[in-house]
Amino acid sequence: MDAYEKSNIADALKPEKFKQGEFVVKQGDVGDTFFFIEEGEAVATKAMKPGEVPIEVYQYKAGDYFGELALLKNVTRQANIIAKTDLNLVKLDRDSFRRILGPLEDILRRNMHRYQQYM
């Protein structure tokens, strides 16, 4: 990756912070953002059927990412993401995601298997 490409990525990433217990995304919301965890931990919870109490289905730590399903499949958020600890994220909007990560789309699709059992 050359300096220009790195600069494009750095310019597109926007920091966002969440306190422990705050929702980053909610199941059923429109998904227009992709997130990377810089610092902290989060959990994914999902109501498996409408009206059911959400259960924990996944845990995230620094270096992990989420939000790609909504962008790749053009669907609503499939789970809640809740800050387990104070959380520092960087995010990409839909346009930046496609422009910058477009060449990585196949890799992201390949990793979608980790969610299949909860869909």
N, C-alpha and C. Protein backbone atom coordinates (compact mmCIF):
# COMPACT_ATOMS: atom_id res chain seq x y z
N MET A 1 0.85 -1.17 0.00
CA MET A 1 0.00 0.00 0.00
C MET A 1 0.89 1.24 0.00
N ASP A 2 0.63 2.14 -0.91
CA ASP A 2 1.48 3.33 -0.99
C ASP A 2 0.97 4.41 -0.03
N ALA A 3 1.72 5.49 0.08
CA ALA A 3 1.40 6.57 1.02
C ALA A 3 0.03 7.19 0.71
N TYR A 4 -0.30 7.34 -0.55
CA TYR A 4 -1.58 7.93 -0.94
C TYR A 4 -2.74 7.04 -0.47
N GLU A 5 -2.62 5.73 -0.67
CA GLU A 5 -3.66 4.80 -0.24
C GLU A 5 -3.83 4.82 1.28
N LYS A 6 -2.70 4.84 1.98
CA LYS A 6 -2.77 4.92 3.45
C LYS A 6 -3.43 6.22 3.89
N SER A 7 -3.11 7.30 3.23
CA SER A 7 -3.70 8.59 3.55
C SER A 7 -5.22 8.57 3.32
N ASN A 8 -5.66 7.95 2.24
CA ASN A 8 -7.09 7.84 1.96
C ASN A 8 -7.82 7.09 3.07
N ILE A 9 -7.22 6.02 3.53
CA ILE A 9 -7.84 5.23 4.61
C ILE A 9 -7.88 6.06 5.89
N ALA A 10 -6.76 6.68 6.23
CA ALA A 10 -6.71 7.48 7.46
C ALA A 10 -7.73 8.61 7.43
N ASP A 11 -7.90 9.25 6.28
CA ASP A 11 -8.87 10.34 6.16
C ASP A 11 -10.31 9.85 6.30
N ALA A 12 -10.57 8.64 5.86
CA ALA A 12 -11.93 8.11 5.87
C ALA A 12 -12.35 7.58 7.24
N LEU A 13 -11.39 7.13 8.06
CA LEU A 13 -11.71 6.57 9.37
C LEU A 13 -12.08 7.68 10.35
N LYS A 14 -13.22 7.53 10.99
CA LYS A 14 -13.70 8.50 11.96
C LYS A 14 -13.79 7.84 13.33
N PRO A 15 -13.16 8.44 14.34
CA PRO A 15 -13.21 7.84 15.68
C PRO A 15 -14.57 8.03 16.34
N GLU A 16 -14.92 7.08 17.17
CA GLU A 16 -16.15 7.18 17.96
C GLU A 16 -15.94 6.41 19.25
N LYS A 17 -16.47 6.94 20.34
CA LYS A 17 -16.32 6.30 21.65
C LYS A 17 -17.68 5.97 22.23
N PHE A 18 -17.71 4.85 22.96
CA PHE A 18 -18.91 4.42 23.65
C PHE A 18 -18.54 4.02 25.07
N LYS A 19 -19.42 4.30 25.99
CA LYS A 19 -19.24 3.91 27.39
C LYS A 19 -19.77 2.49 27.58
N GLN A 20 -19.24 1.83 28.60
CA GLN A 20 -19.69 0.48 28.94
C GLN A 20 -21.21 0.46 29.02
N GLY A 21 -21.83 -0.52 28.36
CA GLY A 21 -23.27 -0.69 28.39
C GLY A 21 -24.02 0.03 27.28
N GLU A 22 -23.36 0.92 26.55
CA GLU A 22 -24.03 1.64 25.47
C GLU A 22 -24.16 0.75 24.23
N PHE A 23 -25.25 0.95 23.50
CA PHE A 23 -25.45 0.26 22.24
C PHE A 23 -24.68 0.98 21.14
N VAL A 24 -23.90 0.23 20.38
CA VAL A 24 -23.23 0.77 19.20
C VAL A 24 -24.18 0.69 18.03
N VAL A 25 -24.81 -0.46 17.85
CA VAL A 25 -25.86 -0.64 16.85
C VAL A 25 -26.97 -1.48 17.47
N LYS A 26 -28.16 -1.35 16.90
CA LYS A 26 -29.31 -2.12 17.38
C LYS A 26 -29.87 -2.98 16.26
N GLN A 27 -30.22 -4.20 16.63
CA GLN A 27 -30.80 -5.14 15.68
C GLN A 27 -32.00 -4.50 14.99
N GLY A 28 -32.04 -4.60 13.66
CA GLY A 28 -33.14 -4.06 12.89
C GLY A 28 -32.90 -2.66 12.35
N ASP A 29 -31.90 -1.96 12.87
CA ASP A 29 -31.58 -0.62 12.36
C ASP A 29 -30.96 -0.71 10.98
N VAL A 30 -31.04 0.38 10.24
CA VAL A 30 -30.37 0.47 8.95
C VAL A 30 -28.87 0.41 9.19
N GLY A 31 -28.18 -0.37 8.38
CA GLY A 31 -26.73 -0.52 8.53
C GLY A 31 -25.99 0.26 7.47
N ASP A 32 -25.33 1.32 7.88
CA ASP A 32 -24.59 2.12 6.91
C ASP A 32 -23.16 2.43 7.35
N THR A 33 -22.68 1.67 8.34
CA THR A 33 -21.35 1.93 8.89
C THR A 33 -20.64 0.62 9.22
N PHE A 34 -19.33 0.61 9.00
CA PHE A 34 -18.44 -0.52 9.30
C PHE A 34 -17.52 -0.06 10.42
N PHE A 35 -17.31 -0.89 11.43
CA PHE A 35 -16.54 -0.51 12.61
C PHE A 35 -15.33 -1.41 12.83
N PHE A 36 -14.23 -0.80 13.30
CA PHE A 36 -13.05 -1.51 13.80
C PHE A 36 -12.91 -1.15 15.27
N ILE A 37 -12.61 -2.14 16.11
CA ILE A 37 -12.38 -1.86 17.53
C ILE A 37 -10.90 -1.56 17.73
N GLU A 38 -10.63 -0.35 18.21
CA GLU A 38 -9.26 0.03 18.54
C GLU A 38 -8.91 -0.41 19.96
N GLU A 39 -9.87 -0.18 20.86
CA GLU A 39 -9.62 -0.47 22.27
C GLU A 39 -10.93 -0.82 22.94
N GLY A 40 -10.91 -1.86 23.76
CA GLY A 40 -12.10 -2.26 24.50
C GLY A 40 -12.70 -3.55 23.98
N GLU A 41 -13.85 -3.89 24.54
CA GLU A 41 -14.56 -5.12 24.18
C GLU A 41 -16.04 -4.83 23.98
N ALA A 42 -16.67 -5.63 23.16
CA ALA A 42 -18.11 -5.51 22.89
C ALA A 42 -18.71 -6.89 22.77
N VAL A 43 -20.03 -6.96 22.91
CA VAL A 43 -20.74 -8.22 22.72
C VAL A 43 -21.86 -8.00 21.71
N ALA A 44 -22.14 -9.06 20.97
CA ALA A 44 -23.28 -9.07 20.06
C ALA A 44 -24.39 -9.86 20.74
N THR A 45 -25.58 -9.29 20.74
CA THR A 45 -26.75 -10.01 21.23
C THR A 45 -27.79 -10.02 20.11
N LYS A 46 -28.62 -11.05 20.12
CA LYS A 46 -29.59 -11.19 19.04
C LYS A 46 -30.87 -11.82 19.58
N ALA A 47 -32.00 -11.23 19.20
CA ALA A 47 -33.29 -11.86 19.44
C ALA A 47 -33.50 -12.84 18.30
N MET A 48 -33.51 -14.12 18.59
CA MET A 48 -33.59 -15.13 17.55
C MET A 48 -34.96 -15.15 16.87
N LYS A 49 -36.00 -14.73 17.59
CA LYS A 49 -37.34 -14.60 17.03
C LYS A 49 -37.91 -13.28 17.55
N PRO A 50 -38.78 -12.64 16.77
CA PRO A 50 -39.38 -11.39 17.23
C PRO A 50 -40.02 -11.54 18.61
N GLY A 51 -39.73 -10.58 19.47
CA GLY A 51 -40.30 -10.60 20.81
C GLY A 51 -39.49 -11.36 21.84
N GLU A 52 -38.53 -12.15 21.41
CA GLU A 52 -37.69 -12.89 22.35
C GLU A 52 -36.64 -11.98 22.95
N VAL A 53 -36.19 -12.35 24.14
CA VAL A 53 -35.10 -11.62 24.78
C VAL A 53 -33.81 -11.93 24.03
N PRO A 54 -33.03 -10.90 23.68
CA PRO A 54 -31.77 -11.16 22.97
C PRO A 54 -30.80 -11.99 23.82
N ILE A 55 -30.07 -12.87 23.15
CA ILE A 55 -29.04 -13.67 23.82
C ILE A 55 -27.68 -13.28 23.25
N GLU A 56 -26.64 -13.48 24.03
CA GLU A 56 -25.29 -13.19 23.57
C GLU A 56 -24.88 -14.23 22.54
N VAL A 57 -24.39 -13.74 21.39
CA VAL A 57 -24.02 -14.67 20.31
C VAL A 57 -22.56 -14.50 19.88
N TYR A 58 -21.91 -13.41 20.30
CA TYR A 58 -20.53 -13.20 19.85
C TYR A 58 -19.86 -12.18 20.76
N GLN A 59 -18.52 -12.30 20.88
CA GLN A 59 -17.74 -11.33 21.64
C GLN A 59 -16.66 -10.75 20.74
N TYR A 60 -16.43 -9.45 20.91
CA TYR A 60 -15.42 -8.73 20.12
C TYR A 60 -14.38 -8.13 21.04
N LYS A 61 -13.16 -8.03 20.51
CA LYS A 61 -12.05 -7.43 21.26
C LYS A 61 -11.28 -6.50 20.32
N ALA A 62 -10.30 -5.81 20.87
CA ALA A 62 -9.49 -4.90 20.06
C ALA A 62 -8.94 -5.64 18.83
N GLY A 63 -9.04 -5.00 17.68
CA GLY A 63 -8.59 -5.60 16.43
C GLY A 63 -9.70 -6.24 15.63
N ASP A 64 -10.84 -6.51 16.27
CA ASP A 64 -11.97 -7.10 15.57
C ASP A 64 -12.76 -6.03 14.83
N TYR A 65 -13.64 -6.47 13.97
CA TYR A 65 -14.49 -5.56 13.21
C TYR A 65 -15.90 -6.10 13.15
N PHE A 66 -16.84 -5.21 12.86
CA PHE A 66 -18.24 -5.63 12.70
C PHE A 66 -18.96 -4.59 11.85
N GLY A 67 -20.15 -4.96 11.40
CA GLY A 67 -20.95 -4.07 10.59
C GLY A 67 -20.89 -4.38 9.11
N GLU A 68 -20.06 -5.33 8.74
CA GLU A 68 -19.87 -5.62 7.32
C GLU A 68 -21.08 -6.33 6.71
N LEU A 69 -21.81 -7.12 7.50
CA LEU A 69 -22.95 -7.85 6.94
C LEU A 69 -23.97 -6.90 6.33
N ALA A 70 -24.31 -5.86 7.07
CA ALA A 70 -25.31 -4.91 6.57
C ALA A 70 -24.86 -4.24 5.29
N LEU A 71 -23.56 -3.98 5.17
CA LEU A 71 -23.04 -3.31 3.98
C LEU A 71 -22.88 -4.27 2.81
N LEU A 72 -22.42 -5.47 3.07
CA LEU A 72 -22.20 -6.44 2.00
C LEU A 72 -23.51 -7.01 1.47
N LYS A 73 -24.48 -7.21 2.35
CA LYS A 73 -25.74 -7.85 1.95
C LYS A 73 -26.89 -6.86 1.81
N ASN A 74 -26.63 -5.59 2.12
CA ASN A 74 -27.65 -4.55 2.04
C ASN A 74 -28.89 -4.93 2.84
N VAL A 75 -28.67 -5.31 4.10
CA VAL A 75 -29.74 -5.70 5.02
C VAL A 75 -29.64 -4.85 6.28
N THR A 76 -30.67 -4.92 7.11
CA THR A 76 -30.64 -4.22 8.39
C THR A 76 -29.66 -4.93 9.33
N ARG A 77 -29.36 -4.28 10.44
CA ARG A 77 -28.47 -4.87 11.43
C ARG A 77 -29.06 -6.18 11.94
N GLN A 78 -28.22 -7.19 11.97
CA GLN A 78 -28.68 -8.53 12.35
C GLN A 78 -28.53 -8.82 13.83
N ALA A 79 -27.89 -7.91 14.56
CA ALA A 79 -27.67 -8.10 16.00
C ALA A 79 -27.45 -6.74 16.65
N ASN A 80 -27.57 -6.73 17.97
CA ASN A 80 -27.16 -5.57 18.76
C ASN A 80 -25.67 -5.70 19.01
N ILE A 81 -24.97 -4.60 19.02
CA ILE A 81 -23.58 -4.59 19.48
C ILE A 81 -23.54 -3.64 20.66
N ILE A 82 -23.09 -4.15 21.80
CA ILE A 82 -23.11 -3.40 23.05
C ILE A 82 -21.69 -3.34 23.60
N ALA A 83 -21.29 -2.16 24.05
CA ALA A 83 -19.96 -1.99 24.65
C ALA A 83 -19.90 -2.77 25.97
N LYS A 84 -19.01 -3.74 26.03
CA LYS A 84 -18.81 -4.52 27.26
C LYS A 84 -17.91 -3.74 28.22
N THR A 85 -17.00 -2.97 27.66
CA THR A 85 -16.14 -2.05 28.39
C THR A 85 -16.22 -0.71 27.67
N ASP A 86 -15.56 0.31 28.19
CA ASP A 86 -15.45 1.53 27.40
C ASP A 86 -14.81 1.13 26.08
N LEU A 87 -15.29 1.72 25.00
CA LEU A 87 -14.96 1.24 23.66
C LEU A 87 -14.51 2.39 22.77
N ASN A 88 -13.34 2.24 22.17
CA ASN A 88 -12.85 3.18 21.17
C ASN A 88 -12.90 2.49 19.82
N LEU A 89 -13.66 3.08 18.89
CA LEU A 89 -13.83 2.52 17.56
C LEU A 89 -13.35 3.52 16.52
N VAL A 90 -13.09 3.01 15.33
CA VAL A 90 -13.02 3.85 14.15
C VAL A 90 -14.03 3.27 13.18
N LYS A 91 -14.65 4.16 12.39
CA LYS A 91 -15.72 3.70 11.52
C LYS A 91 -15.56 4.24 10.12
N LEU A 92 -16.14 3.50 9.19
CA LEU A 92 -16.20 3.90 7.79
C LEU A 92 -17.66 3.94 7.38
N ASP A 93 -18.07 5.00 6.68
CA ASP A 93 -19.43 5.04 6.16
C ASP A 93 -19.50 4.13 4.93
N ARG A 94 -20.71 3.91 4.44
CA ARG A 94 -20.95 2.98 3.33
C ARG A 94 -20.12 3.33 2.08
N ASP A 95 -20.09 4.61 1.69
CA ASP A 95 -19.36 5.00 0.49
C ASP A 95 -17.86 4.76 0.64
N SER A 96 -17.31 5.15 1.80
CA SER A 96 -15.88 4.93 2.04
C SER A 96 -15.55 3.45 2.10
N PHE A 97 -16.45 2.68 2.70
CA PHE A 97 -16.27 1.22 2.79
C PHE A 97 -16.12 0.63 1.40
N ARG A 98 -17.04 1.00 0.51
CA ARG A 98 -17.00 0.44 -0.86
C ARG A 98 -15.77 0.93 -1.62
N ARG A 99 -15.44 2.20 -1.47
CA ARG A 99 -14.32 2.78 -2.21
C ARG A 99 -12.99 2.19 -1.73
N ILE A 100 -12.82 2.10 -0.43
CA ILE A 100 -11.53 1.70 0.13
C ILE A 100 -11.42 0.19 0.28
N LEU A 101 -12.47 -0.44 0.77
CA LEU A 101 -12.40 -1.87 1.07
C LEU A 101 -12.99 -2.73 -0.03
N GLY A 102 -13.45 -2.13 -1.10
CA GLY A 102 -14.02 -2.89 -2.20
C GLY A 102 -13.17 -4.08 -2.61
N PRO A 103 -11.85 -3.90 -2.80
CA PRO A 103 -11.02 -5.03 -3.17
C PRO A 103 -10.95 -6.13 -2.10
N LEU A 104 -11.32 -5.79 -0.87
CA LEU A 104 -11.29 -6.78 0.22
C LEU A 104 -12.65 -7.45 0.43
N GLU A 105 -13.60 -7.09 -0.40
CA GLU A 105 -14.97 -7.59 -0.21
C GLU A 105 -15.03 -9.11 -0.19
N ASP A 106 -14.27 -9.76 -1.04
CA ASP A 106 -14.28 -11.23 -1.07
C ASP A 106 -13.79 -11.80 0.25
N ILE A 107 -12.79 -11.19 0.84
CA ILE A 107 -12.27 -11.65 2.13
C ILE A 107 -13.34 -11.48 3.20
N LEU A 108 -13.98 -10.33 3.22
CA LEU A 108 -15.03 -10.09 4.21
C LEU A 108 -16.17 -11.08 4.03
N ARG A 109 -16.56 -11.34 2.80
CA ARG A 109 -17.63 -12.32 2.54
C ARG A 109 -17.21 -13.71 3.02
N ARG A 110 -15.96 -14.06 2.81
CA ARG A 110 -15.46 -15.37 3.23
C ARG A 110 -15.57 -15.52 4.75
N ASN A 111 -15.40 -14.43 5.49
CA ASN A 111 -15.44 -14.49 6.94
C ASN A 111 -16.85 -14.38 7.52
N MET A 112 -17.85 -14.24 6.66
CA MET A 112 -19.23 -14.14 7.12
C MET A 112 -19.71 -15.44 7.77
N HIS A 113 -19.02 -16.54 7.54
CA HIS A 113 -19.43 -17.82 8.11
C HIS A 113 -19.56 -17.77 9.63
N ARG A 114 -18.82 -16.89 10.26
CA ARG A 114 -18.85 -16.85 11.72
C ARG A 114 -20.22 -16.41 12.25
N TYR A 115 -21.04 -15.83 11.41
CA TYR A 115 -22.36 -15.36 11.79
C TYR A 115 -23.49 -16.29 11.32
N GLN A 116 -23.21 -17.20 10.41
CA GLN A 116 -24.26 -17.97 9.74
C GLN A 116 -25.21 -18.68 10.70
N GLN A 117 -24.70 -19.22 11.77
CA GLN A 117 -25.57 -19.96 12.67
C GLN A 117 -26.57 -19.07 13.40
N TYR A 118 -26.36 -17.75 13.35
CA TYR A 118 -27.26 -16.82 14.05
C TYR A 118 -28.19 -16.09 13.11
N MET A 119 -28.16 -16.43 11.82
CA MET A 119 -29.00 -15.72 10.85
C MET A 119 -30.25 -16.51 10.54
